[in-house]
Amino acid sequence: MMIPACRLADLPRGEAHRLDIDPPVSVFHTDDGELFAIDDTCTHQDASLADGWLEGCEVECPLHASKFDLRTGAVDAPPAKLPVRTHEVLVEDGMIYVRLSTEAPNLPPCIASRLAGGPA
């Protein structure tokens, strides 16, 4: 499924744009001009990675400093242990589109429990 994210001209380099879908996805525009899309929620705790710090091809979670590779979704610093999903990014006629992954997301325990009907 292709989802329109935003116009390329509206996403400056070094910034992120969060898509309020379920689960949320963020598009990152690196300082080098590359575009990446990953699940927006840290796999450790409910924090928006779009609010984190972008450096090169990594984003650092604003809560506990876990870093995620935008290219692979891999986490390289605790406390997060699971990767985030990555999604395909396409630009057509100046518009950024995201093709969502079909893999299951790695949601933090607080969200996974809530979705399963358990205590928050």
PDB file of N, CA and C in Angstrom:
ATOM      1  N   MET A   1       0.845  -1.174   0.000  1.00  0.00           N
ATOM      2  CA  MET A   1       0.000   0.000   0.000  1.00  0.00           C
ATOM      3  C   MET A   1       0.893   1.242   0.000  1.00  0.00           C
ATOM      4  N   MET A   2       0.653   2.139  -0.925  1.00  0.00           N
ATOM      5  CA  MET A   2       1.405   3.396  -1.021  1.00  0.00           C
ATOM      6  C   MET A   2       0.632   4.493  -0.289  1.00  0.00           C
ATOM      7  N   ILE A   3       1.334   5.174   0.604  1.00  0.00           N
ATOM      8  CA  ILE A   3       0.711   6.239   1.386  1.00  0.00           C
ATOM      9  C   ILE A   3       1.438   7.546   1.098  1.00  0.00           C
ATOM     10  N   PRO A   4       0.727   8.603   0.711  1.00  0.00           N
ATOM     11  CA  PRO A   4       1.386   9.896   0.528  1.00  0.00           C
ATOM     12  C   PRO A   4       1.825  10.438   1.887  1.00  0.00           C
ATOM     13  N   ALA A   5       3.071  10.897   1.962  1.00  0.00           N
ATOM     14  CA  ALA A   5       3.610  11.414   3.223  1.00  0.00           C
ATOM     15  C   ALA A   5       3.573  12.936   3.242  1.00  0.00           C
ATOM     16  N   CYS A   6       4.308  13.553   2.337  1.00  0.00           N
ATOM     17  CA  CYS A   6       4.373  15.015   2.256  1.00  0.00           C
ATOM     18  C   CYS A   6       5.128  15.374   0.984  1.00  0.00           C
ATOM     19  N   ARG A   7       5.157  16.646   0.664  1.00  0.00           N
ATOM     20  CA  ARG A   7       5.928  17.104  -0.492  1.00  0.00           C
ATOM     21  C   ARG A   7       7.403  17.123  -0.097  1.00  0.00           C
ATOM     22  N   LEU A   8       8.263  16.727  -0.998  1.00  0.00           N
ATOM     23  CA  LEU A   8       9.697  16.734  -0.741  1.00  0.00           C
ATOM     24  C   LEU A   8      10.170  18.136  -0.348  1.00  0.00           C
ATOM     25  N   ALA A   9       9.631  19.144  -0.981  1.00  0.00           N
ATOM     26  CA  ALA A   9      10.010  20.531  -0.686  1.00  0.00           C
ATOM     27  C   ALA A   9       9.631  20.950   0.736  1.00  0.00           C
ATOM     28  N   ASP A  10       8.681  20.229   1.346  1.00  0.00           N
ATOM     29  CA  ASP A  10       8.230  20.566   2.697  1.00  0.00           C
ATOM     30  C   ASP A  10       8.976  19.812   3.796  1.00  0.00           C
ATOM     31  N   LEU A  11       9.931  18.964   3.400  1.00  0.00           N
ATOM     32  CA  LEU A  11      10.699  18.188   4.374  1.00  0.00           C
ATOM     33  C   LEU A  11      12.181  18.541   4.231  1.00  0.00           C
ATOM     34  N   PRO A  12      12.649  19.523   5.009  1.00  0.00           N
ATOM     35  CA  PRO A  12      14.053  19.933   4.897  1.00  0.00           C
ATOM     36  C   PRO A  12      15.009  18.809   5.287  1.00  0.00           C
ATOM     37  N   ARG A  13      16.220  18.883   4.767  1.00  0.00           N
ATOM     38  CA  ARG A  13      17.257  17.930   5.162  1.00  0.00           C
ATOM     39  C   ARG A  13      17.484  18.038   6.666  1.00  0.00           C
ATOM     40  N   GLY A  14      17.704  16.886   7.293  1.00  0.00           N
ATOM     41  CA  GLY A  14      17.924  16.838   8.733  1.00  0.00           C
ATOM     42  C   GLY A  14      16.645  16.799   9.551  1.00  0.00           C
ATOM     43  N   GLU A  15      15.498  16.685   8.876  1.00  0.00           N
ATOM     44  CA  GLU A  15      14.200  16.698   9.566  1.00  0.00           C
ATOM     45  C   GLU A  15      13.439  15.397   9.316  1.00  0.00           C
ATOM     46  N   ALA A  16      12.365  15.219  10.080  1.00  0.00           N
ATOM     47  CA  ALA A  16      11.498  14.049   9.946  1.00  0.00           C
ATOM     48  C   ALA A  16      10.051  14.494   9.847  1.00  0.00           C
ATOM     49  N   HIS A  17       9.248  13.664   9.205  1.00  0.00           N
ATOM     50  CA  HIS A  17       7.805  13.903   9.095  1.00  0.00           C
ATOM     51  C   HIS A  17       7.100  12.643   9.581  1.00  0.00           C
ATOM     52  N   ARG A  18       6.229  12.806  10.574  1.00  0.00           N
ATOM     53  CA  ARG A  18       5.509  11.673  11.169  1.00  0.00           C
ATOM     54  C   ARG A  18       4.154  11.503  10.496  1.00  0.00           C
ATOM     55  N   LEU A  19       3.866  10.256  10.118  1.00  0.00           N
ATOM     56  CA  LEU A  19       2.557   9.906   9.565  1.00  0.00           C
ATOM     57  C   LEU A  19       1.721   9.327  10.702  1.00  0.00           C
ATOM     58  N   ASP A  20       0.599   9.941  10.972  1.00  0.00           N
ATOM     59  CA  ASP A  20      -0.264   9.473  12.055  1.00  0.00           C
ATOM     60  C   ASP A  20      -1.175   8.356  11.559  1.00  0.00           C
ATOM     61  N   ILE A  21      -0.544   7.202  11.335  1.00  0.00           N
ATOM     62  CA  ILE A  21      -1.269   5.992  10.962  1.00  0.00           C
ATOM     63  C   ILE A  21      -1.044   4.992  12.094  1.00  0.00           C
ATOM     64  N   ASP A  22      -1.588   3.807  11.995  1.00  0.00           N
ATOM     65  CA  ASP A  22      -1.474   2.841  13.079  1.00  0.00           C
ATOM     66  C   ASP A  22      -0.749   1.588  12.597  1.00  0.00           C
ATOM     67  N   PRO A  23       0.460   1.328  13.081  1.00  0.00           N
ATOM     68  CA  PRO A  23       1.287   2.158  13.951  1.00  0.00           C
ATOM     69  C   PRO A  23       1.908   3.313  13.157  1.00  0.00           C
ATOM     70  N   PRO A  24       2.310   4.379  13.858  1.00  0.00           N
ATOM     71  CA  PRO A  24       2.877   5.547  13.179  1.00  0.00           C
ATOM     72  C   PRO A  24       4.175   5.208  12.440  1.00  0.00           C
ATOM     73  N   VAL A  25       4.411   5.933  11.356  1.00  0.00           N
ATOM     74  CA  VAL A  25       5.624   5.790  10.536  1.00  0.00           C
ATOM     75  C   VAL A  25       6.208   7.179  10.370  1.00  0.00           C
ATOM     76  N   SER A  26       7.539   7.271  10.337  1.00  0.00           N
ATOM     77  CA  SER A  26       8.188   8.555  10.085  1.00  0.00           C
ATOM     78  C   SER A  26       9.109   8.463   8.884  1.00  0.00           C
ATOM     79  N   VAL A  27       9.127   9.554   8.125  1.00  0.00           N
ATOM     80  CA  VAL A  27      10.035   9.698   6.994  1.00  0.00           C
ATOM     81  C   VAL A  27      11.144  10.642   7.424  1.00  0.00           C
ATOM     82  N   PHE A  28      12.384  10.226   7.223  1.00  0.00           N
ATOM     83  CA  PHE A  28      13.552  11.026   7.585  1.00  0.00           C
ATOM     84  C   PHE A  28      14.275  11.477   6.323  1.00  0.00           C
ATOM     85  N   HIS A  29      14.662  12.742   6.283  1.00  0.00           N
ATOM     86  CA  HIS A  29      15.430  13.318   5.170  1.00  0.00           C
ATOM     87  C   HIS A  29      16.811  13.645   5.738  1.00  0.00           C
ATOM     88  N   THR A  30      17.801  12.857   5.379  1.00  0.00           N
ATOM     89  CA  THR A  30      19.128  13.035   5.962  1.00  0.00           C
ATOM     90  C   THR A  30      19.812  14.279   5.398  1.00  0.00           C
ATOM     91  N   ASP A  31      20.886  14.686   6.079  1.00  0.00           N
ATOM     92  CA  ASP A  31      21.666  15.832   5.608  1.00  0.00           C
ATOM     93  C   ASP A  31      22.270  15.571   4.239  1.00  0.00           C
ATOM     94  N   ASP A  32      22.453  14.286   3.890  1.00  0.00           N
ATOM     95  CA  ASP A  32      22.998  13.910   2.582  1.00  0.00           C
ATOM     96  C   ASP A  32      21.928  13.843   1.499  1.00  0.00           C
ATOM     97  N   GLY A  33      20.672  14.099   1.873  1.00  0.00           N
ATOM     98  CA  GLY A  33      19.590  14.107   0.896  1.00  0.00           C
ATOM     99  C   GLY A  33      18.884  12.778   0.707  1.00  0.00           C
ATOM    100  N   GLU A  34      19.249  11.762   1.491  1.00  0.00           N
ATOM    101  CA  GLU A  34      18.582  10.470   1.380  1.00  0.00           C
ATOM    102  C   GLU A  34      17.273  10.486   2.160  1.00  0.00           C
ATOM    103  N   LEU A  35      16.331   9.655   1.737  1.00  0.00           N
ATOM    104  CA  LEU A  35      15.031   9.533   2.400  1.00  0.00           C
ATOM    105  C   LEU A  35      14.857   8.109   2.902  1.00  0.00           C
ATOM    106  N   PHE A  36      14.403   7.992   4.149  1.00  0.00           N
ATOM    107  CA  PHE A  36      14.159   6.693   4.755  1.00  0.00           C
ATOM    108  C   PHE A  36      12.849   6.758   5.517  1.00  0.00           C
ATOM    109  N   ALA A  37      12.176   5.610   5.622  1.00  0.00           N
ATOM    110  CA  ALA A  37      10.954   5.520   6.426  1.00  0.00           C
ATOM    111  C   ALA A  37      11.073   4.319   7.352  1.00  0.00           C
ATOM    112  N   ILE A  38      10.744   4.552   8.623  1.00  0.00           N
ATOM    113  CA  ILE A  38      10.754   3.493   9.626  1.00  0.00           C
ATOM    114  C   ILE A  38       9.531   3.659  10.517  1.00  0.00           C
ATOM    115  N   ASP A  39       9.209   2.604  11.275  1.00  0.00           N
ATOM    116  CA  ASP A  39       8.169   2.757  12.284  1.00  0.00           C
ATOM    117  C   ASP A  39       8.615   3.844  13.248  1.00  0.00           C
ATOM    118  N   ASP A  40       7.694   4.687  13.650  1.00  0.00           N
ATOM    119  CA  ASP A  40       8.027   5.860  14.445  1.00  0.00           C
ATOM    120  C   ASP A  40       8.228   5.567  15.929  1.00  0.00           C
ATOM    121  N   THR A  41       7.710   4.460  16.418  1.00  0.00           N
ATOM    122  CA  THR A  41       7.749   4.188  17.858  1.00  0.00           C
ATOM    123  C   THR A  41       8.956   3.351  18.226  1.00  0.00           C
ATOM    124  N   CYS A  42       9.712   3.831  19.218  1.00  0.00           N
ATOM    125  CA  CYS A  42      10.854   3.076  19.740  1.00  0.00           C
ATOM    126  C   CYS A  42      10.362   1.717  20.221  1.00  0.00           C
ATOM    127  N   THR A  43      11.154   0.676  20.004  1.00  0.00           N
ATOM    128  CA  THR A  43      10.733  -0.674  20.396  1.00  0.00           C
ATOM    129  C   THR A  43      10.902  -0.932  21.886  1.00  0.00           C
ATOM    130  N   HIS A  44      11.499  -0.001  22.609  1.00  0.00           N
ATOM    131  CA  HIS A  44      11.693  -0.152  24.055  1.00  0.00           C
ATOM    132  C   HIS A  44      10.549   0.467  24.853  1.00  0.00           C
ATOM    133  N   GLN A  45      10.171   1.693  24.479  1.00  0.00           N
ATOM    134  CA  GLN A  45       9.128   2.414  25.208  1.00  0.00           C
ATOM    135  C   GLN A  45       8.424   3.353  24.233  1.00  0.00           C
ATOM    136  N   ASP A  46       7.233   3.784  24.574  1.00  0.00           N
ATOM    137  CA  ASP A  46       6.409   4.605  23.683  1.00  0.00           C
ATOM    138  C   ASP A  46       7.008   6.004  23.522  1.00  0.00           C
ATOM    139  N   ALA A  47       7.888   6.156  22.532  1.00  0.00           N
ATOM    140  CA  ALA A  47       8.514   7.439  22.223  1.00  0.00           C
ATOM    141  C   ALA A  47       8.568   7.596  20.714  1.00  0.00           C
ATOM    142  N   SER A  48       8.301   8.798  20.235  1.00  0.00           N
ATOM    143  CA  SER A  48       8.324   9.082  18.801  1.00  0.00           C
ATOM    144  C   SER A  48       9.761   9.290  18.334  1.00  0.00           C
ATOM    145  N   LEU A  49      10.206   8.456  17.410  1.00  0.00           N
ATOM    146  CA  LEU A  49      11.561   8.608  16.872  1.00  0.00           C
ATOM    147  C   LEU A  49      11.689   9.875  16.031  1.00  0.00           C
ATOM    148  N   ALA A  50      10.573  10.391  15.512  1.00  0.00           N
ATOM    149  CA  ALA A  50      10.615  11.652  14.767  1.00  0.00           C
ATOM    150  C   ALA A  50      11.048  12.802  15.683  1.00  0.00           C
ATOM    151  N   ASP A  51      10.869  12.634  16.989  1.00  0.00           N
ATOM    152  CA  ASP A  51      11.301  13.639  17.957  1.00  0.00           C
ATOM    153  C   ASP A  51      12.748  13.433  18.399  1.00  0.00           C
ATOM    154  N   GLY A  52      13.388  12.400  17.850  1.00  0.00           N
ATOM    155  CA  GLY A  52      14.764  12.084  18.231  1.00  0.00           C
ATOM    156  C   GLY A  52      15.780  12.900  17.452  1.00  0.00           C
ATOM    157  N   TRP A  53      17.048  12.496  17.589  1.00  0.00           N
ATOM    158  CA  TRP A  53      18.153  13.216  16.953  1.00  0.00           C
ATOM    159  C   TRP A  53      18.654  12.423  15.764  1.00  0.00           C
ATOM    160  N   LEU A  54      18.665  13.061  14.611  1.00  0.00           N
ATOM    161  CA  LEU A  54      19.089  12.450  13.359  1.00  0.00           C
ATOM    162  C   LEU A  54      20.555  12.781  13.115  1.00  0.00           C
ATOM    163  N   GLU A  55      21.358  11.734  12.954  1.00  0.00           N
ATOM    164  CA  GLU A  55      22.770  11.925  12.650  1.00  0.00           C
ATOM    165  C   GLU A  55      23.175  10.879  11.621  1.00  0.00           C
ATOM    166  N   GLY A  56      23.517  11.347  10.432  1.00  0.00           N
ATOM    167  CA  GLY A  56      23.851  10.416   9.358  1.00  0.00           C
ATOM    168  C   GLY A  56      22.636   9.573   9.029  1.00  0.00           C
ATOM    169  N   CYS A  57      22.808   8.263   9.093  1.00  0.00           N
ATOM    170  CA  CYS A  57      21.714   7.331   8.809  1.00  0.00           C
ATOM    171  C   CYS A  57      21.195   6.676  10.082  1.00  0.00           C
ATOM    172  N   GLU A  58      21.320   7.382  11.215  1.00  0.00           N
ATOM    173  CA  GLU A  58      20.812   6.878  12.477  1.00  0.00           C
ATOM    174  C   GLU A  58      19.919   7.916  13.136  1.00  0.00           C
ATOM    175  N   VAL A  59      18.930   7.413  13.876  1.00  0.00           N
ATOM    176  CA  VAL A  59      18.103   8.291  14.700  1.00  0.00           C
ATOM    177  C   VAL A  59      18.210   7.785  16.135  1.00  0.00           C
ATOM    178  N   GLU A  60      18.372   8.732  17.049  1.00  0.00           N
ATOM    179  CA  GLU A  60      18.482   8.402  18.472  1.00  0.00           C
ATOM    180  C   GLU A  60      17.160   8.677  19.157  1.00  0.00           C
ATOM    181  N   CYS A  61      16.665   7.695  19.891  1.00  0.00           N
ATOM    182  CA  CYS A  61      15.416   7.846  20.624  1.00  0.00           C
ATOM    183  C   CYS A  61      15.547   8.967  21.650  1.00  0.00           C
ATOM    184  N   PRO A  62      14.534   9.846  21.748  1.00  0.00           N
ATOM    185  CA  PRO A  62      14.620  10.962  22.685  1.00  0.00           C
ATOM    186  C   PRO A  62      14.494  10.562  24.154  1.00  0.00           C
ATOM    187  N   LEU A  63      14.046   9.340  24.442  1.00  0.00           N
ATOM    188  CA  LEU A  63      13.878   8.944  25.842  1.00  0.00           C
ATOM    189  C   LEU A  63      15.130   8.344  26.466  1.00  0.00           C
ATOM    190  N   HIS A  64      15.672   7.289  25.860  1.00  0.00           N
ATOM    191  CA  HIS A  64      16.766   6.558  26.494  1.00  0.00           C
ATOM    192  C   HIS A  64      17.964   6.353  25.591  1.00  0.00           C
ATOM    193  N   ALA A  65      18.038   7.074  24.485  1.00  0.00           N
ATOM    194  CA  ALA A  65      19.216   7.117  23.611  1.00  0.00           C
ATOM    195  C   ALA A  65      19.512   5.848  22.825  1.00  0.00           C
ATOM    196  N   SER A  66      18.548   4.940  22.669  1.00  0.00           N
ATOM    197  CA  SER A  66      18.765   3.838  21.736  1.00  0.00           C
ATOM    198  C   SER A  66      18.865   4.422  20.338  1.00  0.00           C
ATOM    199  N   LYS A  67      19.739   3.872  19.509  1.00  0.00           N
ATOM    200  CA  LYS A  67      19.911   4.371  18.145  1.00  0.00           C
ATOM    201  C   LYS A  67      19.462   3.310  17.157  1.00  0.00           C
ATOM    202  N   PHE A  68      18.747   3.779  16.120  1.00  0.00           N
ATOM    203  CA  PHE A  68      18.233   2.883  15.089  1.00  0.00           C
ATOM    204  C   PHE A  68      18.818   3.282  13.740  1.00  0.00           C
ATOM    205  N   ASP A  69      19.269   2.282  12.976  1.00  0.00           N
ATOM    206  CA  ASP A  69      19.797   2.497  11.639  1.00  0.00           C
ATOM    207  C   ASP A  69      18.622   2.685  10.686  1.00  0.00           C
ATOM    208  N   LEU A  70      18.553   3.814  10.016  1.00  0.00           N
ATOM    209  CA  LEU A  70      17.436   4.102   9.119  1.00  0.00           C
ATOM    210  C   LEU A  70      17.415   3.179   7.907  1.00  0.00           C
ATOM    211  N   ARG A  71      18.565   2.633   7.529  1.00  0.00           N
ATOM    212  CA  ARG A  71      18.651   1.760   6.348  1.00  0.00           C
ATOM    213  C   ARG A  71      18.118   0.368   6.631  1.00  0.00           C
ATOM    214  N   THR A  72      18.356  -0.148   7.849  1.00  0.00           N
ATOM    215  CA  THR A  72      18.025  -1.534   8.168  1.00  0.00           C
ATOM    216  C   THR A  72      17.015  -1.685   9.297  1.00  0.00           C
ATOM    217  N   GLY A  73      16.848  -0.639  10.095  1.00  0.00           N
ATOM    218  CA  GLY A  73      15.986  -0.709  11.272  1.00  0.00           C
ATOM    219  C   GLY A  73      16.685  -1.269  12.498  1.00  0.00           C
ATOM    220  N   ALA A  74      17.928  -1.740  12.338  1.00  0.00           N
ATOM    221  CA  ALA A  74      18.664  -2.364  13.440  1.00  0.00           C
ATOM    222  C   ALA A  74      18.914  -1.369  14.565  1.00  0.00           C
ATOM    223  N   VAL A  75      18.865  -1.874  15.785  1.00  0.00           N
ATOM    224  CA  VAL A  75      19.161  -1.053  16.964  1.00  0.00           C
ATOM    225  C   VAL A  75      20.599  -1.339  17.371  1.00  0.00           C
ATOM    226  N   ASP A  76      21.333  -0.281  17.743  1.00  0.00           N
ATOM    227  CA  ASP A  76      22.735  -0.506  18.107  1.00  0.00           C
ATOM    228  C   ASP A  76      23.074  -0.053  19.521  1.00  0.00           C
ATOM    229  N   ALA A  77      22.090   0.391  20.276  1.00  0.00           N
ATOM    230  CA  ALA A  77      22.375   0.815  21.643  1.00  0.00           C
ATOM    231  C   ALA A  77      21.175   0.495  22.532  1.00  0.00           C
ATOM    232  N   PRO A  78      21.416  -0.151  23.692  1.00  0.00           N
ATOM    233  CA  PRO A  78      20.322  -0.419  24.621  1.00  0.00           C
ATOM    234  C   PRO A  78      19.742   0.895  25.154  1.00  0.00           C
ATOM    235  N   PRO A  79      18.547   0.863  25.717  1.00  0.00           N
ATOM    236  CA  PRO A  79      17.849  -0.310  26.214  1.00  0.00           C
ATOM    237  C   PRO A  79      16.988  -1.033  25.178  1.00  0.00           C
ATOM    238  N   ALA A  80      16.736  -0.456  24.011  1.00  0.00           N
ATOM    239  CA  ALA A  80      15.960  -1.167  22.981  1.00  0.00           C
ATOM    240  C   ALA A  80      16.753  -2.385  22.519  1.00  0.00           C
ATOM    241  N   LYS A  81      16.036  -3.470  22.264  1.00  0.00           N
ATOM    242  CA  LYS A  81      16.681  -4.708  21.817  1.00  0.00           C
ATOM    243  C   LYS A  81      16.193  -5.155  20.450  1.00  0.00           C
ATOM    244  N   LEU A  82      14.998  -4.726  20.073  1.00  0.00           N
ATOM    245  CA  LEU A  82      14.401  -5.156  18.814  1.00  0.00           C
ATOM    246  C   LEU A  82      14.503  -4.058  17.764  1.00  0.00           C
ATOM    247  N   PRO A  83      14.633  -4.431  16.494  1.00  0.00           N
ATOM    248  CA  PRO A  83      14.689  -3.427  15.427  1.00  0.00           C
ATOM    249  C   PRO A  83      13.313  -2.831  15.153  1.00  0.00           C
ATOM    250  N   VAL A  84      13.303  -1.702  14.442  1.00  0.00           N
ATOM    251  CA  VAL A  84      12.059  -1.149  13.913  1.00  0.00           C
ATOM    252  C   VAL A  84      11.918  -1.614  12.467  1.00  0.00           C
ATOM    253  N   ARG A  85      10.689  -1.636  11.970  1.00  0.00           N
ATOM    254  CA  ARG A  85      10.479  -1.983  10.562  1.00  0.00           C
ATOM    255  C   ARG A  85      10.949  -0.837   9.682  1.00  0.00           C
ATOM    256  N   THR A  86      11.431  -1.179   8.516  1.00  0.00           N
ATOM    257  CA  THR A  86      11.743  -0.177   7.509  1.00  0.00           C
ATOM    258  C   THR A  86      10.691  -0.272   6.414  1.00  0.00           C
ATOM    259  N   HIS A  87      10.499   0.846   5.712  1.00  0.00           N
ATOM    260  CA  HIS A  87       9.498   0.919   4.652  1.00  0.00           C
ATOM    261  C   HIS A  87      10.131   1.550   3.422  1.00  0.00           C
ATOM    262  N   GLU A  88       9.645   1.174   2.267  1.00  0.00           N
ATOM    263  CA  GLU A  88      10.149   1.726   1.009  1.00  0.00           C
ATOM    264  C   GLU A  88       9.662   3.162   0.831  1.00  0.00           C
ATOM    265  N   VAL A  89      10.555   4.016   0.339  1.00  0.00           N
ATOM    266  CA  VAL A  89      10.223   5.415   0.076  1.00  0.00           C
ATOM    267  C   VAL A  89      10.363   5.683  -1.418  1.00  0.00           C
ATOM    268  N   LEU A  90       9.365   6.323  -1.997  1.00  0.00           N
ATOM    269  CA  LEU A  90       9.389   6.709  -3.407  1.00  0.00           C
ATOM    270  C   LEU A  90       9.057   8.193  -3.510  1.00  0.00           C
ATOM    271  N   VAL A  91       9.675   8.864  -4.473  1.00  0.00           N
ATOM    272  CA  VAL A  91       9.342  10.262  -4.752  1.00  0.00           C
ATOM    273  C   VAL A  91       8.844  10.322  -6.183  1.00  0.00           C
ATOM    274  N   GLU A  92       7.651  10.867  -6.340  1.00  0.00           N
ATOM    275  CA  GLU A  92       7.051  10.987  -7.665  1.00  0.00           C
ATOM    276  C   GLU A  92       6.411  12.361  -7.781  1.00  0.00           C
ATOM    277  N   ASP A  93       6.816  13.104  -8.788  1.00  0.00           N
ATOM    278  CA  ASP A  93       6.287  14.454  -9.028  1.00  0.00           C
ATOM    279  C   ASP A  93       6.399  15.332  -7.778  1.00  0.00           C
ATOM    280  N   GLY A  94       7.526  15.204  -7.061  1.00  0.00           N
ATOM    281  CA  GLY A  94       7.776  16.041  -5.897  1.00  0.00           C
ATOM    282  C   GLY A  94       7.071  15.606  -4.631  1.00  0.00           C
ATOM    283  N   MET A  95       6.349  14.501  -4.682  1.00  0.00           N
ATOM    284  CA  MET A  95       5.615  13.987  -3.520  1.00  0.00           C
ATOM    285  C   MET A  95       6.321  12.749  -2.987  1.00  0.00           C
ATOM    286  N   ILE A  96       6.466  12.672  -1.649  1.00  0.00           N
ATOM    287  CA  ILE A  96       7.063  11.505  -1.007  1.00  0.00           C
ATOM    288  C   ILE A  96       5.948  10.511  -0.683  1.00  0.00           C
ATOM    289  N   TYR A  97       6.160   9.262  -1.083  1.00  0.00           N
ATOM    290  CA  TYR A  97       5.226   8.179  -0.796  1.00  0.00           C
ATOM    291  C   TYR A  97       5.951   7.096   0.004  1.00  0.00           C
ATOM    292  N   VAL A  98       5.212   6.431   0.861  1.00  0.00           N
ATOM    293  CA  VAL A  98       5.749   5.327   1.650  1.00  0.00           C
ATOM    294  C   VAL A  98       4.970   4.064   1.303  1.00  0.00           C
ATOM    295  N   ARG A  99       5.720   3.008   0.972  1.00  0.00           N
ATOM    296  CA  ARG A  99       5.114   1.685   0.774  1.00  0.00           C
ATOM    297  C   ARG A  99       5.354   0.908   2.063  1.00  0.00           C
ATOM    298  N   LEU A 100       4.288   0.603   2.777  1.00  0.00           N
ATOM    299  CA  LEU A 100       4.406  -0.023   4.086  1.00  0.00           C
ATOM    300  C   LEU A 100       4.893  -1.462   3.994  1.00  0.00           C
ATOM    301  N   SER A 101       5.727  -1.831   4.953  1.00  0.00           N
ATOM    302  CA  SER A 101       6.213  -3.198   5.076  1.00  0.00           C
ATOM    303  C   SER A 101       5.051  -4.116   5.432  1.00  0.00           C
ATOM    304  N   THR A 102       5.146  -5.362   5.014  1.00  0.00           N
ATOM    305  CA  THR A 102       4.128  -6.350   5.373  1.00  0.00           C
ATOM    306  C   THR A 102       4.520  -7.125   6.623  1.00  0.00           C
ATOM    307  N   GLU A 103       5.729  -6.867   7.148  1.00  0.00           N
ATOM    308  CA  GLU A 103       6.178  -7.543   8.365  1.00  0.00           C
ATOM    309  C   GLU A 103       5.409  -7.004   9.575  1.00  0.00           C
ATOM    310  N   ALA A 104       5.327  -7.809  10.621  1.00  0.00           N
ATOM    311  CA  ALA A 104       4.691  -7.360  11.864  1.00  0.00           C
ATOM    312  C   ALA A 104       5.609  -6.357  12.558  1.00  0.00           C
ATOM    313  N   PRO A 105       5.040  -5.301  13.135  1.00  0.00           N
ATOM    314  CA  PRO A 105       5.872  -4.310  13.833  1.00  0.00           C
ATOM    315  C   PRO A 105       6.376  -4.848  15.166  1.00  0.00           C
ATOM    316  N   ASN A 106       7.516  -4.341  15.617  1.00  0.00           N
ATOM    317  CA  ASN A 106       8.041  -4.627  16.955  1.00  0.00           C
ATOM    318  C   ASN A 106       7.640  -3.471  17.856  1.00  0.00           C
ATOM    319  N   LEU A 107       6.500  -3.620  18.509  1.00  0.00           N
ATOM    320  CA  LEU A 107       5.988  -2.556  19.358  1.00  0.00           C
ATOM    321  C   LEU A 107       6.544  -2.693  20.768  1.00  0.00           C
ATOM    322  N   PRO A 108       6.715  -1.571  21.473  1.00  0.00           N
ATOM    323  CA  PRO A 108       7.178  -1.658  22.861  1.00  0.00           C
ATOM    324  C   PRO A 108       6.138  -2.384  23.707  1.00  0.00           C
ATOM    325  N   PRO A 109       6.579  -3.017  24.806  1.00  0.00           N
ATOM    326  CA  PRO A 109       5.643  -3.798  25.627  1.00  0.00           C
ATOM    327  C   PRO A 109       4.411  -3.020  26.083  1.00  0.00           C
ATOM    328  N   CYS A 110       4.558  -1.742  26.396  1.00  0.00           N
ATOM    329  CA  CYS A 110       3.408  -0.970  26.884  1.00  0.00           C
ATOM    330  C   CYS A 110       2.324  -0.846  25.813  1.00  0.00           C
ATOM    331  N   ILE A 111       2.708  -0.751  24.551  1.00  0.00           N
ATOM    332  CA  ILE A 111       1.721  -0.639  23.468  1.00  0.00           C
ATOM    333  C   ILE A 111       1.213  -2.018  23.068  1.00  0.00           C
ATOM    334  N   ALA A 112       2.104  -2.996  22.969  1.00  0.00           N
ATOM    335  CA  ALA A 112       1.694  -4.350  22.594  1.00  0.00           C
ATOM    336  C   ALA A 112       0.689  -4.894  23.602  1.00  0.00           C
ATOM    337  N   SER A 113       0.916  -4.642  24.886  1.00  0.00           N
ATOM    338  CA  SER A 113       0.001  -5.099  25.926  1.00  0.00           C
ATOM    339  C   SER A 113      -1.366  -4.419  25.791  1.00  0.00           C
ATOM    340  N   ARG A 114      -1.347  -3.117  25.527  1.00  0.00           N
ATOM    341  CA  ARG A 114      -2.594  -2.357  25.390  1.00  0.00           C
ATOM    342  C   ARG A 114      -3.393  -2.855  24.181  1.00  0.00           C
ATOM    343  N   LEU A 115      -2.712  -3.133  23.068  1.00  0.00           N
ATOM    344  CA  LEU A 115      -3.411  -3.624  21.873  1.00  0.00           C
ATOM    345  C   LEU A 115      -3.972  -5.018  22.076  1.00  0.00           C
ATOM    346  N   ALA A 116      -3.306  -5.804  22.924  1.00  0.00           N
ATOM    347  CA  ALA A 116      -3.770  -7.172  23.208  1.00  0.00           C
ATOM    348  C   ALA A 116      -4.853  -7.188  24.275  1.00  0.00           C
ATOM    349  N   GLY A 117      -5.186  -6.008  24.826  1.00  0.00           N
ATOM    350  CA  GLY A 117      -6.236  -5.934  25.828  1.00  0.00           C
ATOM    351  C   GLY A 117      -5.753  -6.079  27.252  1.00  0.00           C
ATOM    352  N   GLY A 118      -4.435  -6.055  27.440  1.00  0.00           N
ATOM    353  CA  GLY A 118      -3.869  -6.169  28.784  1.00  0.00           C
ATOM    354  C   GLY A 118      -3.746  -4.826  29.448  1.00  0.00           C
ATOM    355  N   PRO A 119      -3.186  -4.799  30.670  1.00  0.00           N
ATOM    356  CA  PRO A 119      -3.010  -3.518  31.381  1.00  0.00           C
ATOM    357  C   PRO A 119      -1.971  -2.654  30.696  1.00  0.00           C
ATOM    358  N   ALA A 120      -2.174  -1.357  30.721  1.00  0.00           N
ATOM    359  CA  ALA A 120      -1.250  -0.421  30.072  1.00  0.00           C
ATOM    360  C   ALA A 120      -0.029  -0.163  30.925  1.00  0.00           C
TER     361      ALA A 120
END
